[in-house]
Protein backbone atom coordinates (compact mmCIF):
# COMPACT_ATOMS: atom_id res chain seq x y z
CA UNK A 1 0.00 0.00 0.00
CA UNK A 2 1.22 3.45 -0.76
CA UNK A 3 1.59 6.44 1.56
CA UNK A 4 -1.68 8.14 0.49
CA UNK A 5 -3.74 5.19 1.68
CA UNK A 6 -2.00 5.16 5.06
CA UNK A 7 -2.39 8.93 5.42
CA UNK A 8 -6.12 8.58 4.66
CA UNK A 9 -6.55 5.80 7.23
CA UNK A 10 -4.65 7.72 9.91
CA UNK A 11 -6.48 10.96 9.10
CA UNK A 12 -9.91 9.35 9.26
CA UNK A 13 -9.00 7.57 12.50
CA UNK A 14 -7.87 10.87 14.02
CA UNK A 15 -11.02 12.62 12.85
CA UNK A 16 -13.18 9.86 14.30
CA UNK A 17 -11.37 10.10 17.63
CA UNK A 18 -11.67 13.91 17.64
CA UNK A 19 -15.42 13.72 17.01
CA UNK A 20 -15.92 11.24 19.85
CA UNK A 21 -13.73 13.24 22.23
CA UNK A 22 -15.47 16.52 21.42
CA UNK A 23 -18.85 14.88 22.01
CA UNK A 24 -17.70 13.68 25.42
CA UNK A 25 -16.24 17.07 26.34
CA UNK A 26 -19.29 19.00 25.16
CA UNK A 27 -21.69 16.61 26.90
CA UNK A 28 -19.92 17.25 30.20
CA UNK A 29 -20.86 20.95 29.85
CA UNK A 30 -24.62 20.33 29.47
CA UNK A 31 -26.53 21.76 32.43
CA UNK A 32 -28.16 19.19 34.71
CA UNK A 33 -31.03 21.42 35.84
CA UNK A 34 -32.89 24.52 34.75
CA UNK A 35 -34.58 25.57 31.53
CA UNK A 36 -31.94 24.20 29.15
CA UNK A 37 -31.91 20.80 30.85
CA UNK A 38 -35.71 20.52 30.50
CA UNK A 39 -35.52 21.58 26.84
CA UNK A 40 -32.82 19.01 26.07
CA UNK A 41 -34.80 16.28 27.83
CA UNK A 42 -37.82 17.05 25.61
CA UNK A 43 -35.73 17.15 22.44
CA UNK A 44 -35.86 13.42 21.46
CA UNK A 45 -39.66 13.42 21.57
CA UNK A 46 -39.79 16.62 19.54
CA UNK A 47 -37.47 15.15 16.90
CA UNK A 48 -39.54 11.98 16.60
CA UNK A 49 -42.76 14.00 16.37
CA UNK A 50 -41.34 16.22 13.63
CA UNK A 51 -40.01 13.27 11.62
CA UNK A 52 -43.28 11.37 11.90
CA UNK A 53 -45.37 14.40 10.98
CA UNK A 54 -43.23 15.02 7.90
CA UNK A 55 -43.59 11.39 6.85
CA UNK A 56 -47.34 11.61 7.39
CA UNK A 57 -47.66 14.74 5.26
CA UNK A 58 -45.72 13.13 2.42
CA UNK A 59 -47.12 9.64 2.99
CA UNK A 60 -49.72 7.52 1.35
CA UNK A 61 -52.75 5.82 2.85
CA UNK A 62 -50.47 3.05 4.15
CA UNK A 63 -48.64 5.50 6.43
CA UNK A 64 -51.91 6.93 7.70
CA UNK A 65 -53.34 3.48 8.46
CA UNK A 66 -50.18 2.39 10.25
CA UNK A 67 -50.11 5.65 12.24
CA UNK A 68 -53.64 5.04 13.49
CA UNK A 69 -52.69 1.50 14.45
CA UNK A 70 -49.58 2.72 16.27
CA UNK A 71 -51.58 5.32 18.15
CA UNK A 72 -54.01 2.61 19.23
CA UNK A 73 -51.16 0.37 20.38
CA UNK A 74 -49.55 3.23 22.29
CA UNK A 75 -52.86 4.14 23.94
CA UNK A 76 -53.59 0.55 24.96
CA UNK A 77 -50.14 -0.53 26.13
CA UNK A 78 -48.73 2.83 27.31
CA UNK A 79 -45.33 1.66 26.01
CA UNK A 80 -43.90 3.99 23.35
CA UNK A 81 -41.00 1.68 22.48
CA UNK A 82 -43.39 -1.18 21.79
CA UNK A 83 -45.58 1.13 19.70
CA UNK A 84 -42.60 2.33 17.63
CA UNK A 85 -41.42 -1.23 17.01
CA UNK A 86 -44.96 -2.30 16.10
CA UNK A 87 -45.18 0.67 13.72
CA UNK A 88 -42.05 -0.42 11.89
CA UNK A 89 -43.37 -3.96 11.58
CA UNK A 90 -46.83 -2.79 10.49
CA UNK A 91 -45.64 -0.43 7.77
CA UNK A 92 -43.09 -2.96 6.49
CA UNK A 93 -45.75 -5.69 6.32
CA UNK A 94 -48.24 -3.40 4.62
CA UNK A 95 -45.67 -2.24 2.04
CA UNK A 96 -44.66 -5.85 1.40
CA UNK A 97 -48.30 -6.89 0.99
CA UNK A 98 -49.02 -4.09 -1.50
CA UNK A 99 -45.85 -4.51 -3.56
PDB file of N, CA and C in Angstrom:
ATOM      1  N   UNK A   1       0.845  -1.182   0.000  1.00  0.00           N
ATOM      2  CA  UNK A   1       0.000   0.000   0.000  1.00  0.00           C
ATOM      3  C   UNK A   1       0.886   1.239   0.000  1.00  0.00           C
ATOM      4  N   UNK A   2       0.393   2.253  -0.681  1.00  0.00           N
ATOM      5  CA  UNK A   2       1.218   3.453  -0.765  1.00  0.00           C
ATOM      6  C   UNK A   2       0.898   4.420   0.374  1.00  0.00           C
ATOM      7  N   UNK A   3       1.660   5.495   0.448  1.00  0.00           N
ATOM      8  CA  UNK A   3       1.589   6.435   1.562  1.00  0.00           C
ATOM      9  C   UNK A   3       0.248   7.170   1.627  1.00  0.00           C
ATOM     10  N   UNK A   4      -0.399   7.425   0.474  1.00  0.00           N
ATOM     11  CA  UNK A   4      -1.682   8.142   0.487  1.00  0.00           C
ATOM     12  C   UNK A   4      -2.773   7.335   1.191  1.00  0.00           C
ATOM     13  N   UNK A   5      -2.751   6.032   1.013  1.00  0.00           N
ATOM     14  CA  UNK A   5      -3.743   5.188   1.681  1.00  0.00           C
ATOM     15  C   UNK A   5      -3.533   5.230   3.186  1.00  0.00           C
ATOM     16  N   UNK A   6      -2.280   5.121   3.632  1.00  0.00           N
ATOM     17  CA  UNK A   6      -1.999   5.163   5.063  1.00  0.00           C
ATOM     18  C   UNK A   6      -2.343   6.527   5.655  1.00  0.00           C
ATOM     19  N   UNK A   7      -2.053   7.583   4.931  1.00  0.00           N
ATOM     20  CA  UNK A   7      -2.393   8.925   5.419  1.00  0.00           C
ATOM     21  C   UNK A   7      -3.906   9.090   5.540  1.00  0.00           C
ATOM     22  N   UNK A   8      -4.654   8.519   4.601  1.00  0.00           N
ATOM     23  CA  UNK A   8      -6.118   8.585   4.661  1.00  0.00           C
ATOM     24  C   UNK A   8      -6.642   7.813   5.866  1.00  0.00           C
ATOM     25  N   UNK A   9      -6.114   6.625   6.087  1.00  0.00           N
ATOM     26  CA  UNK A   9      -6.546   5.802   7.225  1.00  0.00           C
ATOM     27  C   UNK A   9      -6.238   6.508   8.544  1.00  0.00           C
ATOM     28  N   UNK A  10      -5.043   7.034   8.682  1.00  0.00           N
ATOM     29  CA  UNK A  10      -4.655   7.723   9.912  1.00  0.00           C
ATOM     30  C   UNK A  10      -5.469   8.994  10.095  1.00  0.00           C
ATOM     31  N   UNK A  11      -5.687   9.735   9.019  1.00  0.00           N
ATOM     32  CA  UNK A  11      -6.479  10.960   9.101  1.00  0.00           C
ATOM     33  C   UNK A  11      -7.916  10.699   9.500  1.00  0.00           C
ATOM     34  N   UNK A  12      -8.535   9.679   8.909  1.00  0.00           N
ATOM     35  CA  UNK A  12      -9.910   9.352   9.259  1.00  0.00           C
ATOM     36  C   UNK A  12     -10.018   8.814  10.686  1.00  0.00           C
ATOM     37  N   UNK A  13      -9.015   8.047  11.106  1.00  0.00           N
ATOM     38  CA  UNK A  13      -8.997   7.572  12.497  1.00  0.00           C
ATOM     39  C   UNK A  13      -8.881   8.732  13.476  1.00  0.00           C
ATOM     40  N   UNK A  14      -8.019   9.682  13.158  1.00  0.00           N
ATOM     41  CA  UNK A  14      -7.871  10.870  14.016  1.00  0.00           C
ATOM     42  C   UNK A  14      -9.135  11.708  14.044  1.00  0.00           C
ATOM     43  N   UNK A  15      -9.782  11.862  12.894  1.00  0.00           N
ATOM     44  CA  UNK A  15     -11.025  12.620  12.847  1.00  0.00           C
ATOM     45  C   UNK A  15     -12.118  11.933  13.635  1.00  0.00           C
ATOM     46  N   UNK A  16     -12.191  10.620  13.537  1.00  0.00           N
ATOM     47  CA  UNK A  16     -13.181   9.864  14.304  1.00  0.00           C
ATOM     48  C   UNK A  16     -12.942  10.018  15.800  1.00  0.00           C
ATOM     49  N   UNK A  17     -11.705   9.921  16.218  1.00  0.00           N
ATOM     50  CA  UNK A  17     -11.371  10.097  17.635  1.00  0.00           C
ATOM     51  C   UNK A  17     -11.702  11.512  18.096  1.00  0.00           C
ATOM     52  N   UNK A  18     -11.402  12.516  17.274  1.00  0.00           N
ATOM     53  CA  UNK A  18     -11.672  13.909  17.643  1.00  0.00           C
ATOM     54  C   UNK A  18     -13.172  14.158  17.780  1.00  0.00           C
ATOM     55  N   UNK A  19     -13.970  13.566  16.908  1.00  0.00           N
ATOM     56  CA  UNK A  19     -15.419  13.722  17.008  1.00  0.00           C
ATOM     57  C   UNK A  19     -15.938  13.097  18.291  1.00  0.00           C
ATOM     58  N   UNK A  20     -15.473  11.906  18.619  1.00  0.00           N
ATOM     59  CA  UNK A  20     -15.915  11.242  19.851  1.00  0.00           C
ATOM     60  C   UNK A  20     -15.462  12.019  21.092  1.00  0.00           C
ATOM     61  N   UNK A  21     -14.243  12.489  21.089  1.00  0.00           N
ATOM     62  CA  UNK A  21     -13.729  13.241  22.231  1.00  0.00           C
ATOM     63  C   UNK A  21     -14.476  14.556  22.400  1.00  0.00           C
ATOM     64  N   UNK A  22     -14.743  15.255  21.305  1.00  0.00           N
ATOM     65  CA  UNK A  22     -15.467  16.522  21.417  1.00  0.00           C
ATOM     66  C   UNK A  22     -16.894  16.291  21.909  1.00  0.00           C
ATOM     67  N   UNK A  23     -17.523  15.198  21.493  1.00  0.00           N
ATOM     68  CA  UNK A  23     -18.852  14.879  22.008  1.00  0.00           C
ATOM     69  C   UNK A  23     -18.828  14.653  23.502  1.00  0.00           C
ATOM     70  N   UNK A  24     -17.831  13.938  23.984  1.00  0.00           N
ATOM     71  CA  UNK A  24     -17.702  13.684  25.420  1.00  0.00           C
ATOM     72  C   UNK A  24     -17.453  14.988  26.170  1.00  0.00           C
ATOM     73  N   UNK A  25     -16.555  15.817  25.653  1.00  0.00           N
ATOM     74  CA  UNK A  25     -16.235  17.072  26.340  1.00  0.00           C
ATOM     75  C   UNK A  25     -17.419  18.038  26.331  1.00  0.00           C
ATOM     76  N   UNK A  26     -18.125  18.109  25.220  1.00  0.00           N
ATOM     77  CA  UNK A  26     -19.290  18.997  25.155  1.00  0.00           C
ATOM     78  C   UNK A  26     -20.428  18.485  26.028  1.00  0.00           C
ATOM     79  N   UNK A  27     -20.619  17.177  26.081  1.00  0.00           N
ATOM     80  CA  UNK A  27     -21.690  16.606  26.901  1.00  0.00           C
ATOM     81  C   UNK A  27     -21.449  16.872  28.379  1.00  0.00           C
ATOM     82  N   UNK A  28     -20.202  16.976  28.786  1.00  0.00           N
ATOM     83  CA  UNK A  28     -19.924  17.250  30.203  1.00  0.00           C
ATOM     84  C   UNK A  28     -20.293  18.684  30.576  1.00  0.00           C
ATOM     85  N   UNK A  29     -20.496  19.556  29.587  1.00  0.00           N
ATOM     86  CA  UNK A  29     -20.858  20.949  29.847  1.00  0.00           C
ATOM     87  C   UNK A  29     -22.364  21.193  29.827  1.00  0.00           C
ATOM     88  N   UNK A  30     -23.164  20.172  29.528  1.00  0.00           N
ATOM     89  CA  UNK A  30     -24.621  20.333  29.474  1.00  0.00           C
ATOM     90  C   UNK A  30     -25.140  20.533  30.888  1.00  0.00           C
ATOM     91  N   UNK A  31     -25.998  21.535  31.086  1.00  0.00           N
ATOM     92  CA  UNK A  31     -26.530  21.755  32.431  1.00  0.00           C
ATOM     93  C   UNK A  31     -27.425  20.600  32.875  1.00  0.00           C
ATOM     94  N   UNK A  32     -27.390  20.295  34.163  1.00  0.00           N
ATOM     95  CA  UNK A  32     -28.163  19.185  34.710  1.00  0.00           C
ATOM     96  C   UNK A  32     -29.524  19.619  35.232  1.00  0.00           C
ATOM     97  N   UNK A  33     -29.740  20.927  35.388  1.00  0.00           N
ATOM     98  CA  UNK A  33     -31.034  21.422  35.839  1.00  0.00           C
ATOM     99  C   UNK A  33     -31.299  22.782  35.205  1.00  0.00           C
ATOM    100  N   UNK A  34     -32.532  23.228  35.313  1.00  0.00           N
ATOM    101  CA  UNK A  34     -32.890  24.516  34.747  1.00  0.00           C
ATOM    102  C   UNK A  34     -33.604  24.371  33.408  1.00  0.00           C
ATOM    103  N   UNK A  35     -33.812  25.522  32.770  1.00  0.00           N
ATOM    104  CA  UNK A  35     -34.583  25.571  31.531  1.00  0.00           C
ATOM    105  C   UNK A  35     -33.925  24.768  30.399  1.00  0.00           C
ATOM    106  N   UNK A  36     -32.617  24.905  30.235  1.00  0.00           N
ATOM    107  CA  UNK A  36     -31.938  24.204  29.151  1.00  0.00           C
ATOM    108  C   UNK A  36     -31.972  22.692  29.343  1.00  0.00           C
ATOM    109  N   UNK A  37     -31.849  22.244  30.578  1.00  0.00           N
ATOM    110  CA  UNK A  37     -31.907  20.805  30.846  1.00  0.00           C
ATOM    111  C   UNK A  37     -33.283  20.254  30.488  1.00  0.00           C
ATOM    112  N   UNK A  38     -34.351  20.980  30.845  1.00  0.00           N
ATOM    113  CA  UNK A  38     -35.706  20.523  30.497  1.00  0.00           C
ATOM    114  C   UNK A  38     -35.904  20.514  28.992  1.00  0.00           C
ATOM    115  N   UNK A  39     -35.381  21.524  28.303  1.00  0.00           N
ATOM    116  CA  UNK A  39     -35.516  21.582  26.841  1.00  0.00           C
ATOM    117  C   UNK A  39     -34.782  20.428  26.178  1.00  0.00           C
ATOM    118  N   UNK A  40     -33.592  20.111  26.657  1.00  0.00           N
ATOM    119  CA  UNK A  40     -32.818  19.012  26.070  1.00  0.00           C
ATOM    120  C   UNK A  40     -33.446  17.661  26.374  1.00  0.00           C
ATOM    121  N   UNK A  41     -34.124  17.537  27.520  1.00  0.00           N
ATOM    122  CA  UNK A  41     -34.803  16.281  27.834  1.00  0.00           C
ATOM    123  C   UNK A  41     -36.005  16.068  26.917  1.00  0.00           C
ATOM    124  N   UNK A  42     -36.652  17.150  26.491  1.00  0.00           N
ATOM    125  CA  UNK A  42     -37.816  17.047  25.614  1.00  0.00           C
ATOM    126  C   UNK A  42     -37.420  16.910  24.150  1.00  0.00           C
ATOM    127  N   UNK A  43     -36.176  17.142  23.826  1.00  0.00           N
ATOM    128  CA  UNK A  43     -35.729  17.150  22.435  1.00  0.00           C
ATOM    129  C   UNK A  43     -35.948  15.840  21.688  1.00  0.00           C
ATOM    130  N   UNK A  44     -35.638  14.657  22.230  1.00  0.00           N
ATOM    131  CA  UNK A  44     -35.858  13.424  21.460  1.00  0.00           C
ATOM    132  C   UNK A  44     -37.313  13.239  21.042  1.00  0.00           C
ATOM    133  N   UNK A  45     -38.251  13.525  21.927  1.00  0.00           N
ATOM    134  CA  UNK A  45     -39.660  13.421  21.570  1.00  0.00           C
ATOM    135  C   UNK A  45     -40.050  14.405  20.487  1.00  0.00           C
ATOM    136  N   UNK A  46     -39.500  15.613  20.558  1.00  0.00           N
ATOM    137  CA  UNK A  46     -39.792  16.621  19.537  1.00  0.00           C
ATOM    138  C   UNK A  46     -39.250  16.195  18.176  1.00  0.00           C
ATOM    139  N   UNK A  47     -38.054  15.610  18.166  1.00  0.00           N
ATOM    140  CA  UNK A  47     -37.473  15.155  16.904  1.00  0.00           C
ATOM    141  C   UNK A  47     -38.297  14.026  16.295  1.00  0.00           C
ATOM    142  N   UNK A  48     -38.722  13.091  17.109  1.00  0.00           N
ATOM    143  CA  UNK A  48     -39.535  11.984  16.601  1.00  0.00           C
ATOM    144  C   UNK A  48     -40.853  12.506  16.070  1.00  0.00           C
ATOM    145  N   UNK A  49     -41.483  13.432  16.814  1.00  0.00           N
ATOM    146  CA  UNK A  49     -42.760  13.995  16.365  1.00  0.00           C
ATOM    147  C   UNK A  49     -42.608  14.744  15.043  1.00  0.00           C
ATOM    148  N   UNK A  50     -41.525  15.488  14.881  1.00  0.00           N
ATOM    149  CA  UNK A  50     -41.339  16.219  13.633  1.00  0.00           C
ATOM    150  C   UNK A  50     -41.063  15.286  12.461  1.00  0.00           C
ATOM    151  N   UNK A  51     -40.273  14.229  12.692  1.00  0.00           N
ATOM    152  CA  UNK A  51     -40.007  13.275  11.619  1.00  0.00           C
ATOM    153  C   UNK A  51     -41.269  12.513  11.219  1.00  0.00           C
ATOM    154  N   UNK A  52     -42.050  12.098  12.203  1.00  0.00           N
ATOM    155  CA  UNK A  52     -43.277  11.368  11.900  1.00  0.00           C
ATOM    156  C   UNK A  52     -44.283  12.256  11.185  1.00  0.00           C
ATOM    157  N   UNK A  53     -44.416  13.503  11.637  1.00  0.00           N
ATOM    158  CA  UNK A  53     -45.375  14.399  10.977  1.00  0.00           C
ATOM    159  C   UNK A  53     -44.967  14.683   9.537  1.00  0.00           C
ATOM    160  N   UNK A  54     -43.689  14.817   9.270  1.00  0.00           N
ATOM    161  CA  UNK A  54     -43.228  15.022   7.896  1.00  0.00           C
ATOM    162  C   UNK A  54     -43.515  13.798   7.038  1.00  0.00           C
ATOM    163  N   UNK A  55     -43.285  12.615   7.590  1.00  0.00           N
ATOM    164  CA  UNK A  55     -43.586  11.386   6.848  1.00  0.00           C
ATOM    165  C   UNK A  55     -45.082  11.259   6.597  1.00  0.00           C
ATOM    166  N   UNK A  56     -45.883  11.695   7.558  1.00  0.00           N
ATOM    167  CA  UNK A  56     -47.336  11.615   7.389  1.00  0.00           C
ATOM    168  C   UNK A  56     -47.806  12.574   6.298  1.00  0.00           C
ATOM    169  N   UNK A  57     -47.250  13.769   6.274  1.00  0.00           N
ATOM    170  CA  UNK A  57     -47.661  14.742   5.262  1.00  0.00           C
ATOM    171  C   UNK A  57     -47.296  14.283   3.857  1.00  0.00           C
ATOM    172  N   UNK A  58     -46.174  13.606   3.725  1.00  0.00           N
ATOM    173  CA  UNK A  58     -45.724  13.131   2.418  1.00  0.00           C
ATOM    174  C   UNK A  58     -46.117  11.680   2.156  1.00  0.00           C
ATOM    175  N   UNK A  59     -46.823  11.060   3.091  1.00  0.00           N
ATOM    176  CA  UNK A  59     -47.118   9.637   2.995  1.00  0.00           C
ATOM    177  C   UNK A  59     -48.377   9.315   2.221  1.00  0.00           C
ATOM    178  N   UNK A  60     -48.543   8.034   2.034  1.00  0.00           N
ATOM    179  CA  UNK A  60     -49.724   7.517   1.352  1.00  0.00           C
ATOM    180  C   UNK A  60     -50.722   7.024   2.401  1.00  0.00           C
ATOM    181  N   UNK A  61     -51.756   6.358   1.937  1.00  0.00           N
ATOM    182  CA  UNK A  61     -52.754   5.821   2.855  1.00  0.00           C
ATOM    183  C   UNK A  61     -52.149   4.760   3.774  1.00  0.00           C
ATOM    184  N   UNK A  62     -51.120   4.057   3.307  1.00  0.00           N
ATOM    185  CA  UNK A  62     -50.465   3.053   4.153  1.00  0.00           C
ATOM    186  C   UNK A  62     -49.882   3.680   5.416  1.00  0.00           C
ATOM    187  N   UNK A  63     -49.219   4.823   5.269  1.00  0.00           N
ATOM    188  CA  UNK A  63     -48.637   5.497   6.430  1.00  0.00           C
ATOM    189  C   UNK A  63     -49.726   5.964   7.390  1.00  0.00           C
ATOM    190  N   UNK A  64     -50.824   6.457   6.851  1.00  0.00           N
ATOM    191  CA  UNK A  64     -51.915   6.928   7.704  1.00  0.00           C
ATOM    192  C   UNK A  64     -52.560   5.768   8.469  1.00  0.00           C
ATOM    193  N   UNK A  65     -52.755   4.650   7.795  1.00  0.00           N
ATOM    194  CA  UNK A  65     -53.340   3.478   8.460  1.00  0.00           C
ATOM    195  C   UNK A  65     -52.407   2.969   9.553  1.00  0.00           C
ATOM    196  N   UNK A  66     -51.128   2.877   9.243  1.00  0.00           N
ATOM    197  CA  UNK A  66     -50.178   2.392  10.246  1.00  0.00           C
ATOM    198  C   UNK A  66     -50.069   3.374  11.411  1.00  0.00           C
ATOM    199  N   UNK A  67     -50.168   4.666  11.153  1.00  0.00           N
ATOM    200  CA  UNK A  67     -50.110   5.650  12.235  1.00  0.00           C
ATOM    201  C   UNK A  67     -51.288   5.492  13.183  1.00  0.00           C
ATOM    202  N   UNK A  68     -52.465   5.254  12.632  1.00  0.00           N
ATOM    203  CA  UNK A  68     -53.640   5.043  13.487  1.00  0.00           C
ATOM    204  C   UNK A  68     -53.460   3.780  14.325  1.00  0.00           C
ATOM    205  N   UNK A  69     -52.914   2.745  13.706  1.00  0.00           N
ATOM    206  CA  UNK A  69     -52.686   1.503  14.449  1.00  0.00           C
ATOM    207  C   UNK A  69     -51.647   1.699  15.554  1.00  0.00           C
ATOM    208  N   UNK A  70     -50.614   2.460  15.264  1.00  0.00           N
ATOM    209  CA  UNK A  70     -49.577   2.722  16.266  1.00  0.00           C
ATOM    210  C   UNK A  70     -50.148   3.553  17.413  1.00  0.00           C
ATOM    211  N   UNK A  71     -50.951   4.537  17.094  1.00  0.00           N
ATOM    212  CA  UNK A  71     -51.582   5.322  18.149  1.00  0.00           C
ATOM    213  C   UNK A  71     -52.457   4.442  19.038  1.00  0.00           C
ATOM    214  N   UNK A  72     -53.179   3.522  18.442  1.00  0.00           N
ATOM    215  CA  UNK A  72     -54.013   2.612  19.226  1.00  0.00           C
ATOM    216  C   UNK A  72     -53.150   1.726  20.116  1.00  0.00           C
ATOM    217  N   UNK A  73     -52.055   1.209  19.575  1.00  0.00           N
ATOM    218  CA  UNK A  73     -51.160   0.366  20.376  1.00  0.00           C
ATOM    219  C   UNK A  73     -50.555   1.162  21.526  1.00  0.00           C
ATOM    220  N   UNK A  74     -50.142   2.392  21.239  1.00  0.00           N
ATOM    221  CA  UNK A  74     -49.555   3.228  22.288  1.00  0.00           C
ATOM    222  C   UNK A  74     -50.578   3.557  23.369  1.00  0.00           C
ATOM    223  N   UNK A  75     -51.821   3.812  22.964  1.00  0.00           N
ATOM    224  CA  UNK A  75     -52.859   4.136  23.945  1.00  0.00           C
ATOM    225  C   UNK A  75     -53.206   2.929  24.805  1.00  0.00           C
ATOM    226  N   UNK A  76     -53.216   1.756  24.212  1.00  0.00           N
ATOM    227  CA  UNK A  76     -53.592   0.554  24.956  1.00  0.00           C
ATOM    228  C   UNK A  76     -52.465   0.093  25.878  1.00  0.00           C
ATOM    229  N   UNK A  77     -51.250   0.030  25.351  1.00  0.00           N
ATOM    230  CA  UNK A  77     -50.144  -0.532  26.131  1.00  0.00           C
ATOM    231  C   UNK A  77     -49.411   0.495  26.990  1.00  0.00           C
ATOM    232  N   UNK A  78     -49.473   1.763  26.624  1.00  0.00           N
ATOM    233  CA  UNK A  78     -48.725   2.825  27.314  1.00  0.00           C
ATOM    234  C   UNK A  78     -47.215   2.573  27.273  1.00  0.00           C
ATOM    235  N   UNK A  79     -46.763   1.935  26.186  1.00  0.00           N
ATOM    236  CA  UNK A  79     -45.333   1.656  26.014  1.00  0.00           C
ATOM    237  C   UNK A  79     -44.901   2.195  24.655  1.00  0.00           C
ATOM    238  N   UNK A  80     -44.276   3.377  24.624  1.00  0.00           N
ATOM    239  CA  UNK A  80     -43.897   3.987  23.346  1.00  0.00           C
ATOM    240  C   UNK A  80     -42.900   3.166  22.538  1.00  0.00           C
ATOM    241  N   UNK A  81     -41.983   2.489  23.216  1.00  0.00           N
ATOM    242  CA  UNK A  81     -41.004   1.685  22.485  1.00  0.00           C
ATOM    243  C   UNK A  81     -41.688   0.538  21.760  1.00  0.00           C
ATOM    244  N   UNK A  82     -42.626  -0.105  22.421  1.00  0.00           N
ATOM    245  CA  UNK A  82     -43.389  -1.178  21.788  1.00  0.00           C
ATOM    246  C   UNK A  82     -44.185  -0.643  20.617  1.00  0.00           C
ATOM    247  N   UNK A  83     -44.790   0.534  20.780  1.00  0.00           N
ATOM    248  CA  UNK A  83     -45.583   1.130  19.701  1.00  0.00           C
ATOM    249  C   UNK A  83     -44.704   1.473  18.496  1.00  0.00           C
ATOM    250  N   UNK A  84     -43.491   1.998  18.747  1.00  0.00           N
ATOM    251  CA  UNK A  84     -42.595   2.326  17.628  1.00  0.00           C
ATOM    252  C   UNK A  84     -42.156   1.066  16.896  1.00  0.00           C
ATOM    253  N   UNK A  85     -41.812   0.028  17.643  1.00  0.00           N
ATOM    254  CA  UNK A  85     -41.419  -1.229  17.007  1.00  0.00           C
ATOM    255  C   UNK A  85     -42.588  -1.817  16.213  1.00  0.00           C
ATOM    256  N   UNK A  86     -43.770  -1.787  16.802  1.00  0.00           N
ATOM    257  CA  UNK A  86     -44.955  -2.298  16.104  1.00  0.00           C
ATOM    258  C   UNK A  86     -45.219  -1.480  14.842  1.00  0.00           C
ATOM    259  N   UNK A  87     -44.995  -0.184  14.907  1.00  0.00           N
ATOM    260  CA  UNK A  87     -45.185   0.667  13.721  1.00  0.00           C
ATOM    261  C   UNK A  87     -44.244   0.293  12.592  1.00  0.00           C
ATOM    262  N   UNK A  88     -42.996  -0.001  12.933  1.00  0.00           N
ATOM    263  CA  UNK A  88     -42.052  -0.422  11.892  1.00  0.00           C
ATOM    264  C   UNK A  88     -42.477  -1.730  11.261  1.00  0.00           C
ATOM    265  N   UNK A  89     -42.924  -2.665  12.094  1.00  0.00           N
ATOM    266  CA  UNK A  89     -43.368  -3.962  11.578  1.00  0.00           C
ATOM    267  C   UNK A  89     -44.631  -3.797  10.738  1.00  0.00           C
ATOM    268  N   UNK A  90     -45.562  -2.984  11.208  1.00  0.00           N
ATOM    269  CA  UNK A  90     -46.827  -2.791  10.494  1.00  0.00           C
ATOM    270  C   UNK A  90     -46.601  -2.169   9.128  1.00  0.00           C
ATOM    271  N   UNK A  91     -45.828  -1.095   9.060  1.00  0.00           N
ATOM    272  CA  UNK A  91     -45.641  -0.425   7.768  1.00  0.00           C
ATOM    273  C   UNK A  91     -44.832  -1.313   6.818  1.00  0.00           C
ATOM    274  N   UNK A  92     -43.864  -2.061   7.348  1.00  0.00           N
ATOM    275  CA  UNK A  92     -43.086  -2.961   6.487  1.00  0.00           C
ATOM    276  C   UNK A  92     -43.993  -4.055   5.931  1.00  0.00           C
ATOM    277  N   UNK A  93     -44.838  -4.622   6.783  1.00  0.00           N
ATOM    278  CA  UNK A  93     -45.747  -5.686   6.319  1.00  0.00           C
ATOM    279  C   UNK A  93     -46.742  -5.149   5.313  1.00  0.00           C
ATOM    280  N   UNK A  94     -47.263  -3.964   5.554  1.00  0.00           N
ATOM    281  CA  UNK A  94     -48.241  -3.397   4.615  1.00  0.00           C
ATOM    282  C   UNK A  94     -47.590  -3.079   3.270  1.00  0.00           C
ATOM    283  N   UNK A  95     -46.372  -2.537   3.302  1.00  0.00           N
ATOM    284  CA  UNK A  95     -45.673  -2.244   2.041  1.00  0.00           C
ATOM    285  C   UNK A  95     -45.329  -3.531   1.300  1.00  0.00           C
ATOM    286  N   UNK A  96     -44.964  -4.575   2.031  1.00  0.00           N
ATOM    287  CA  UNK A  96     -44.661  -5.852   1.402  1.00  0.00           C
ATOM    288  C   UNK A  96     -45.919  -6.450   0.785  1.00  0.00           C
ATOM    289  N   UNK A  97     -47.046  -6.327   1.482  1.00  0.00           N
ATOM    290  CA  UNK A  97     -48.303  -6.888   0.986  1.00  0.00           C
ATOM    291  C   UNK A  97     -48.793  -6.168  -0.281  1.00  0.00           C
ATOM    292  N   UNK A  98     -48.553  -4.860  -0.340  1.00  0.00           N
ATOM    293  CA  UNK A  98     -49.023  -4.086  -1.500  1.00  0.00           C
ATOM    294  C   UNK A  98     -48.111  -4.290  -2.698  1.00  0.00           C
ATOM    295  N   UNK A  99     -46.810  -4.408  -2.446  1.00  0.00           N
ATOM    296  CA  UNK A  99     -45.852  -4.506  -3.556  1.00  0.00           C
ATOM    297  C   UNK A  99     -45.818  -5.849  -4.196  1.00  0.00           C
TER     298      UNK A  99
END
